[in-house]
Amino acid sequence: MSELTLGKVMTAKGFRVAALARSGAGAQMVDERIVGWGRKEPVAILIAGPDGIAAFAPDGGSLSRAEVEALAPDVWGQFAQSARGQDA
């Protein structure tokens, strides 16, 4: 099972950055041992700056708001809201 989550919003020099990442973990019994694994991989990087919000794929290609929302509904709005909260 895997899920997409928006990571911590970090701020530097007037920009805010967060990663949308897919993570998952699992375990199973093999003979008398438990084998476990986990993974976490970025699927988008969101950046908020003076010109608004932009998103990029891990390979550097641009992602539209619609493409980001297709990955995780309302994540764009969550990121925008968290950025506004840091202005106070």
Protein backbone atom coordinates (compact mmCIF):
# COMPACT_ATOMS: atom_id res chain seq x y z
CA MET A 1 0.00 0.00 0.00
CA SER A 2 1.28 3.49 -0.79
CA GLU A 3 0.01 6.97 -0.16
CA LEU A 4 0.83 10.49 -1.31
CA THR A 5 1.57 13.12 1.30
CA LEU A 6 2.70 16.73 1.23
CA GLY A 7 5.88 17.13 3.24
CA LYS A 8 6.87 19.93 5.56
CA VAL A 9 6.84 23.38 3.97
CA MET A 10 10.31 24.93 4.18
CA THR A 11 11.02 28.63 3.74
CA ALA A 12 14.17 30.31 2.42
CA LYS A 13 14.79 33.77 0.95
CA GLY A 14 11.14 34.49 0.25
CA PHE A 15 10.37 31.11 -1.31
CA ARG A 16 8.46 28.17 0.14
CA VAL A 17 9.14 24.61 -0.95
CA ALA A 18 7.51 21.27 -0.22
CA ALA A 19 7.65 17.82 -1.77
CA LEU A 20 4.68 15.66 -2.61
CA ALA A 21 5.93 12.12 -2.02
CA ARG A 22 4.65 8.58 -2.40
CA SER A 23 5.55 6.34 0.50
CA GLY A 24 4.80 2.80 1.43
CA ALA A 25 5.84 -0.01 3.71
CA GLY A 26 5.17 -3.69 3.99
CA ALA A 27 6.14 -6.86 5.78
CA GLN A 28 5.65 -10.57 5.40
CA MET A 29 6.68 -13.77 7.09
CA VAL A 30 9.28 -15.90 5.33
CA ASP A 31 9.78 -19.17 7.15
CA GLU A 32 10.35 -18.00 10.74
CA ARG A 33 11.55 -14.51 9.85
CA ILE A 34 9.80 -11.25 9.16
CA VAL A 35 10.91 -9.41 6.06
CA GLY A 36 10.06 -5.73 5.90
CA TRP A 37 10.60 -2.93 3.41
CA GLY A 38 9.79 0.71 2.92
CA ARG A 39 10.16 3.40 0.29
CA LYS A 40 9.62 7.09 -0.18
CA GLU A 41 9.92 8.83 -3.53
CA PRO A 42 9.13 12.38 -4.61
CA VAL A 43 6.46 12.79 -7.28
CA ALA A 44 6.32 16.61 -7.33
CA ILE A 45 8.09 19.62 -5.88
CA LEU A 46 5.93 22.68 -5.17
CA ILE A 47 7.52 26.13 -4.95
CA ALA A 48 5.75 29.34 -3.91
CA GLY A 49 7.45 32.64 -4.64
CA PRO A 50 6.68 36.21 -5.65
CA ASP A 51 5.17 35.03 -8.96
CA GLY A 52 2.85 32.41 -7.39
CA ILE A 53 3.06 28.65 -7.15
CA ALA A 54 4.93 26.42 -9.58
CA ALA A 55 5.30 22.64 -9.58
CA PHE A 56 7.95 20.38 -11.02
CA ALA A 57 8.39 16.66 -11.58
CA PRO A 58 11.48 14.99 -10.09
CA ASP A 59 13.11 15.10 -13.56
CA GLY A 60 12.72 18.91 -13.63
CA GLY A 61 9.79 19.08 -16.03
CA SER A 62 6.98 21.52 -15.25
CA LEU A 63 3.69 20.23 -13.84
CA SER A 64 0.40 22.08 -14.18
CA ARG A 65 -1.98 22.58 -11.29
CA ALA A 66 -4.32 20.03 -12.93
CA GLU A 67 -1.52 17.45 -13.12
CA VAL A 68 -0.67 17.95 -9.44
CA GLU A 69 -4.35 17.77 -8.44
CA ALA A 70 -4.69 14.53 -10.45
CA LEU A 71 -1.96 13.03 -8.26
CA ALA A 72 -3.46 14.27 -4.98
CA PRO A 73 -6.74 16.22 -4.94
CA ASP A 74 -6.56 19.61 -3.17
CA VAL A 75 -2.81 19.36 -2.48
CA TRP A 76 -2.28 22.63 -4.40
CA GLY A 77 -4.76 24.36 -2.11
CA GLN A 78 -3.18 22.80 0.99
CA PHE A 79 0.23 24.08 -0.09
CA ALA A 80 -1.15 27.55 -0.86
CA GLN A 81 -2.91 27.68 2.52
CA SER A 82 0.19 26.59 4.45
CA ALA A 83 2.23 29.28 2.68
CA ARG A 84 -0.29 31.98 3.62
CA GLY A 85 -0.20 30.86 7.24
CA GLN A 86 3.54 31.52 7.40
CA ASP A 87 3.14 35.20 6.43
CA ALA A 88 1.61 36.10 9.78
